[in-house]
Amino acid sequence: LVLMTKRLIEKGAHAFCLASLASSCGKVRRLAISILGLLLHACNSEEARAMPSWRERPQIALLLNAIQRALLLEKAKDPTGVNVRPQVPVLPTLVS
């Protein structure tokens, strides 16, 4: 699980999910939130912590934790969860 998570993150799955949070489709947003939760769970696992080759894991875990806290704050504003739509700024993609 951890090796697959590491490969997914290296390919940009977390960035794709983060961008998907701004989708107007509720199903896409819910799927992105679920995937981000699974990535966070894998990043915080004992197996991931014991993996010395995954040097960026602490930064990824910090980012995913911040996203999770922000989503929980949004959900707390609307306990029904009906109108929860994270306010994710849309940034242009820069090619360097």
N, C-alpha and C. Protein backbone atom coordinates (compact mmCIF):
# COMPACT_ATOMS: atom_id res chain seq x y z
N LEU A 1 0.83 -1.20 0.00
CA LEU A 1 0.00 0.00 0.00
C LEU A 1 0.87 1.26 0.00
N VAL A 2 1.92 1.27 0.81
CA VAL A 2 2.75 2.47 0.93
C VAL A 2 3.54 2.72 -0.36
N LEU A 3 4.06 1.66 -0.95
CA LEU A 3 4.80 1.85 -2.21
C LEU A 3 3.89 2.38 -3.31
N MET A 4 2.67 1.87 -3.38
CA MET A 4 1.73 2.36 -4.38
C MET A 4 1.36 3.82 -4.10
N THR A 5 1.18 4.16 -2.82
CA THR A 5 0.88 5.54 -2.46
C THR A 5 2.03 6.46 -2.83
N LYS A 6 3.24 6.02 -2.56
CA LYS A 6 4.42 6.82 -2.91
C LYS A 6 4.46 7.07 -4.42
N ARG A 7 4.20 6.04 -5.21
CA ARG A 7 4.21 6.20 -6.67
C ARG A 7 3.10 7.13 -7.14
N LEU A 8 1.91 7.00 -6.55
CA LEU A 8 0.80 7.87 -6.91
C LEU A 8 1.13 9.34 -6.61
N ILE A 9 1.72 9.58 -5.46
CA ILE A 9 2.08 10.95 -5.09
C ILE A 9 3.17 11.49 -6.00
N GLU A 10 4.13 10.64 -6.36
CA GLU A 10 5.18 11.08 -7.29
C GLU A 10 4.59 11.43 -8.66
N LYS A 11 3.49 10.79 -9.03
CA LYS A 11 2.83 11.06 -10.32
C LYS A 11 1.87 12.25 -10.23
N GLY A 12 1.63 12.77 -9.01
CA GLY A 12 0.79 13.94 -8.86
C GLY A 12 -0.65 13.68 -8.51
N ALA A 13 -0.95 12.52 -7.95
CA ALA A 13 -2.34 12.20 -7.60
C ALA A 13 -2.90 13.16 -6.56
N HIS A 14 -2.07 13.55 -5.61
CA HIS A 14 -2.54 14.47 -4.57
C HIS A 14 -2.86 15.84 -5.16
N ALA A 15 -2.07 16.29 -6.12
CA ALA A 15 -2.34 17.58 -6.77
C ALA A 15 -3.62 17.52 -7.60
N PHE A 16 -3.83 16.39 -8.27
CA PHE A 16 -5.05 16.22 -9.06
C PHE A 16 -6.28 16.22 -8.15
N CYS A 17 -6.18 15.55 -7.01
CA CYS A 17 -7.30 15.52 -6.06
C CYS A 17 -7.54 16.91 -5.47
N LEU A 18 -6.49 17.63 -5.19
CA LEU A 18 -6.63 18.98 -4.65
C LEU A 18 -7.35 19.87 -5.66
N ALA A 19 -6.99 19.76 -6.92
CA ALA A 19 -7.67 20.54 -7.96
C ALA A 19 -9.12 20.09 -8.11
N SER A 20 -9.38 18.82 -7.89
CA SER A 20 -10.75 18.29 -8.03
C SER A 20 -11.68 18.80 -6.93
N LEU A 21 -11.12 19.30 -5.84
CA LEU A 21 -11.96 19.85 -4.78
C LEU A 21 -12.70 21.10 -5.24
N ALA A 22 -12.23 21.73 -6.29
CA ALA A 22 -12.88 22.93 -6.82
C ALA A 22 -13.94 22.60 -7.86
N SER A 23 -14.18 21.33 -8.11
CA SER A 23 -15.15 20.91 -9.11
C SER A 23 -16.57 21.31 -8.70
N SER A 24 -17.38 21.59 -9.68
CA SER A 24 -18.78 21.91 -9.39
C SER A 24 -19.61 20.64 -9.16
N CYS A 25 -19.06 19.50 -9.51
CA CYS A 25 -19.75 18.22 -9.34
C CYS A 25 -19.46 17.66 -7.94
N GLY A 26 -20.51 17.44 -7.18
CA GLY A 26 -20.36 16.93 -5.82
C GLY A 26 -19.73 15.56 -5.75
N LYS A 27 -20.02 14.70 -6.72
CA LYS A 27 -19.45 13.35 -6.72
C LYS A 27 -17.94 13.40 -6.90
N VAL A 28 -17.47 14.30 -7.75
CA VAL A 28 -16.03 14.44 -7.98
C VAL A 28 -15.35 14.94 -6.70
N ARG A 29 -15.98 15.92 -6.04
CA ARG A 29 -15.42 16.44 -4.79
C ARG A 29 -15.36 15.36 -3.71
N ARG A 30 -16.44 14.58 -3.58
CA ARG A 30 -16.45 13.50 -2.58
C ARG A 30 -15.39 12.44 -2.87
N LEU A 31 -15.22 12.11 -4.14
CA LEU A 31 -14.19 11.15 -4.52
C LEU A 31 -12.80 11.68 -4.20
N ALA A 32 -12.57 12.96 -4.50
CA ALA A 32 -11.27 13.57 -4.21
C ALA A 32 -11.00 13.57 -2.71
N ILE A 33 -12.01 13.89 -1.92
CA ILE A 33 -11.84 13.89 -0.46
C ILE A 33 -11.52 12.48 0.04
N SER A 34 -12.17 11.48 -0.52
CA SER A 34 -11.91 10.09 -0.12
C SER A 34 -10.48 9.68 -0.46
N ILE A 35 -10.04 10.03 -1.65
CA ILE A 35 -8.68 9.66 -2.07
C ILE A 35 -7.66 10.38 -1.22
N LEU A 36 -7.87 11.67 -0.94
CA LEU A 36 -6.95 12.40 -0.08
C LEU A 36 -6.89 11.77 1.31
N GLY A 37 -8.02 11.31 1.81
CA GLY A 37 -8.03 10.63 3.11
C GLY A 37 -7.23 9.34 3.10
N LEU A 38 -7.36 8.58 2.03
CA LEU A 38 -6.58 7.33 1.91
C LEU A 38 -5.09 7.62 1.79
N LEU A 39 -4.74 8.67 1.04
CA LEU A 39 -3.32 9.05 0.92
C LEU A 39 -2.78 9.47 2.28
N LEU A 40 -3.56 10.23 3.03
CA LEU A 40 -3.13 10.65 4.36
C LEU A 40 -2.96 9.45 5.28
N HIS A 41 -3.90 8.52 5.23
CA HIS A 41 -3.80 7.31 6.06
C HIS A 41 -2.52 6.54 5.74
N ALA A 42 -2.21 6.41 4.46
CA ALA A 42 -1.00 5.69 4.06
C ALA A 42 0.26 6.45 4.48
N CYS A 43 0.23 7.78 4.37
CA CYS A 43 1.40 8.59 4.75
C CYS A 43 1.69 8.52 6.25
N ASN A 44 0.64 8.36 7.04
CA ASN A 44 0.81 8.32 8.50
C ASN A 44 1.00 6.91 9.05
N SER A 45 1.06 5.91 8.18
CA SER A 45 1.21 4.53 8.65
C SER A 45 2.64 4.29 9.16
N GLU A 46 2.77 3.28 9.99
CA GLU A 46 4.08 2.91 10.52
C GLU A 46 5.04 2.50 9.41
N GLU A 47 4.51 1.79 8.43
CA GLU A 47 5.33 1.34 7.31
C GLU A 47 5.91 2.53 6.54
N ALA A 48 5.11 3.57 6.34
CA ALA A 48 5.59 4.76 5.64
C ALA A 48 6.62 5.51 6.47
N ARG A 49 6.39 5.59 7.77
CA ARG A 49 7.34 6.29 8.65
C ARG A 49 8.69 5.57 8.70
N ALA A 50 8.67 4.26 8.52
CA ALA A 50 9.89 3.47 8.57
C ALA A 50 10.61 3.41 7.23
N MET A 51 10.08 4.06 6.23
CA MET A 51 10.66 4.00 4.89
C MET A 51 11.62 5.19 4.69
N PRO A 52 12.92 4.96 4.79
CA PRO A 52 13.88 6.07 4.70
C PRO A 52 13.99 6.66 3.28
N SER A 53 13.59 5.92 2.28
CA SER A 53 13.73 6.42 0.91
C SER A 53 12.66 7.44 0.55
N TRP A 54 11.61 7.55 1.35
CA TRP A 54 10.52 8.49 1.06
C TRP A 54 10.74 9.77 1.88
N ARG A 55 11.68 10.58 1.41
CA ARG A 55 12.10 11.76 2.15
C ARG A 55 11.04 12.86 2.19
N GLU A 56 10.19 12.95 1.17
CA GLU A 56 9.19 14.02 1.15
C GLU A 56 7.91 13.66 1.89
N ARG A 57 7.84 12.46 2.48
CA ARG A 57 6.64 12.03 3.19
C ARG A 57 6.19 13.00 4.28
N PRO A 58 7.09 13.53 5.12
CA PRO A 58 6.61 14.45 6.16
C PRO A 58 5.93 15.70 5.59
N GLN A 59 6.46 16.23 4.50
CA GLN A 59 5.85 17.41 3.89
C GLN A 59 4.49 17.09 3.27
N ILE A 60 4.40 15.93 2.62
CA ILE A 60 3.12 15.51 2.03
C ILE A 60 2.09 15.28 3.13
N ALA A 61 2.51 14.64 4.22
CA ALA A 61 1.59 14.39 5.33
C ALA A 61 1.13 15.71 5.94
N LEU A 62 2.02 16.68 6.05
CA LEU A 62 1.66 17.99 6.58
C LEU A 62 0.63 18.67 5.70
N LEU A 63 0.83 18.61 4.40
CA LEU A 63 -0.12 19.19 3.44
C LEU A 63 -1.49 18.50 3.54
N LEU A 64 -1.48 17.18 3.56
CA LEU A 64 -2.74 16.44 3.62
C LEU A 64 -3.47 16.67 4.94
N ASN A 65 -2.72 16.80 6.04
CA ASN A 65 -3.34 17.12 7.33
C ASN A 65 -3.99 18.50 7.30
N ALA A 66 -3.32 19.47 6.68
CA ALA A 66 -3.88 20.82 6.58
C ALA A 66 -5.17 20.82 5.75
N ILE A 67 -5.17 20.06 4.67
CA ILE A 67 -6.37 19.96 3.83
C ILE A 67 -7.50 19.32 4.63
N GLN A 68 -7.19 18.26 5.37
CA GLN A 68 -8.22 17.58 6.16
C GLN A 68 -8.81 18.52 7.21
N ARG A 69 -7.95 19.30 7.88
CA ARG A 69 -8.46 20.25 8.87
C ARG A 69 -9.35 21.30 8.24
N ALA A 70 -8.96 21.79 7.07
CA ALA A 70 -9.76 22.80 6.38
C ALA A 70 -11.12 22.23 5.98
N LEU A 71 -11.14 21.00 5.52
CA LEU A 71 -12.41 20.38 5.14
C LEU A 71 -13.31 20.15 6.36
N LEU A 72 -12.71 19.78 7.47
CA LEU A 72 -13.49 19.59 8.70
C LEU A 72 -14.07 20.90 9.19
N LEU A 73 -13.31 21.99 9.05
CA LEU A 73 -13.83 23.30 9.43
C LEU A 73 -15.01 23.71 8.55
N GLU A 74 -14.91 23.43 7.26
CA GLU A 74 -16.02 23.73 6.35
C GLU A 74 -17.24 22.90 6.70
N LYS A 75 -17.02 21.63 7.04
CA LYS A 75 -18.14 20.75 7.39
C LYS A 75 -18.79 21.20 8.69
N ALA A 76 -18.00 21.73 9.62
CA ALA A 76 -18.54 22.19 10.90
C ALA A 76 -19.47 23.39 10.69
N LYS A 77 -19.21 24.17 9.65
CA LYS A 77 -20.08 25.31 9.36
C LYS A 77 -21.44 24.86 8.87
N ASP A 78 -21.49 23.70 8.22
CA ASP A 78 -22.75 23.16 7.70
C ASP A 78 -22.81 21.68 8.07
N PRO A 79 -23.32 21.35 9.25
CA PRO A 79 -23.33 19.96 9.72
C PRO A 79 -24.05 18.98 8.80
N THR A 80 -24.98 19.47 7.99
CA THR A 80 -25.69 18.56 7.09
C THR A 80 -24.78 18.08 5.98
N GLY A 81 -23.74 18.87 5.67
CA GLY A 81 -22.81 18.50 4.61
C GLY A 81 -23.34 18.77 3.22
N VAL A 82 -24.52 19.35 3.13
CA VAL A 82 -25.14 19.57 1.82
C VAL A 82 -24.42 20.67 1.04
N ASN A 83 -24.10 21.76 1.72
CA ASN A 83 -23.52 22.91 1.03
C ASN A 83 -22.01 23.01 1.20
N VAL A 84 -21.37 21.93 1.62
CA VAL A 84 -19.93 21.97 1.82
C VAL A 84 -19.23 21.93 0.48
N ARG A 85 -18.63 23.02 0.13
CA ARG A 85 -17.82 23.10 -1.07
C ARG A 85 -16.57 23.87 -0.71
N PRO A 86 -15.44 23.19 -0.61
CA PRO A 86 -14.21 23.86 -0.20
C PRO A 86 -13.88 25.01 -1.14
N GLN A 87 -13.43 26.08 -0.56
CA GLN A 87 -13.03 27.24 -1.35
C GLN A 87 -11.56 27.09 -1.74
N VAL A 88 -11.33 26.41 -2.84
CA VAL A 88 -9.97 26.17 -3.32
C VAL A 88 -9.69 27.15 -4.45
N PRO A 89 -8.68 27.98 -4.28
CA PRO A 89 -8.39 28.94 -5.35
C PRO A 89 -7.88 28.22 -6.59
N VAL A 90 -8.30 28.69 -7.72
CA VAL A 90 -7.86 28.11 -8.99
C VAL A 90 -6.64 28.88 -9.45
N LEU A 91 -5.51 28.20 -9.49
CA LEU A 91 -4.26 28.84 -9.89
C LEU A 91 -3.89 28.38 -11.29
N PRO A 92 -3.38 29.28 -12.11
CA PRO A 92 -2.96 28.85 -13.45
C PRO A 92 -1.74 27.93 -13.35
N THR A 93 -1.69 26.98 -14.24
CA THR A 93 -0.56 26.06 -14.27
C THR A 93 0.59 26.74 -15.00
N LEU A 94 1.72 26.79 -14.34
CA LEU A 94 2.90 27.41 -14.94
C LEU A 94 3.84 26.33 -15.44
N VAL A 95 4.28 26.47 -16.64
CA VAL A 95 5.23 25.53 -17.22
C VAL A 95 6.60 26.17 -17.17
N SER A 96 7.52 25.51 -16.49
CA SER A 96 8.86 26.09 -16.38
C SER A 96 9.85 25.32 -17.19
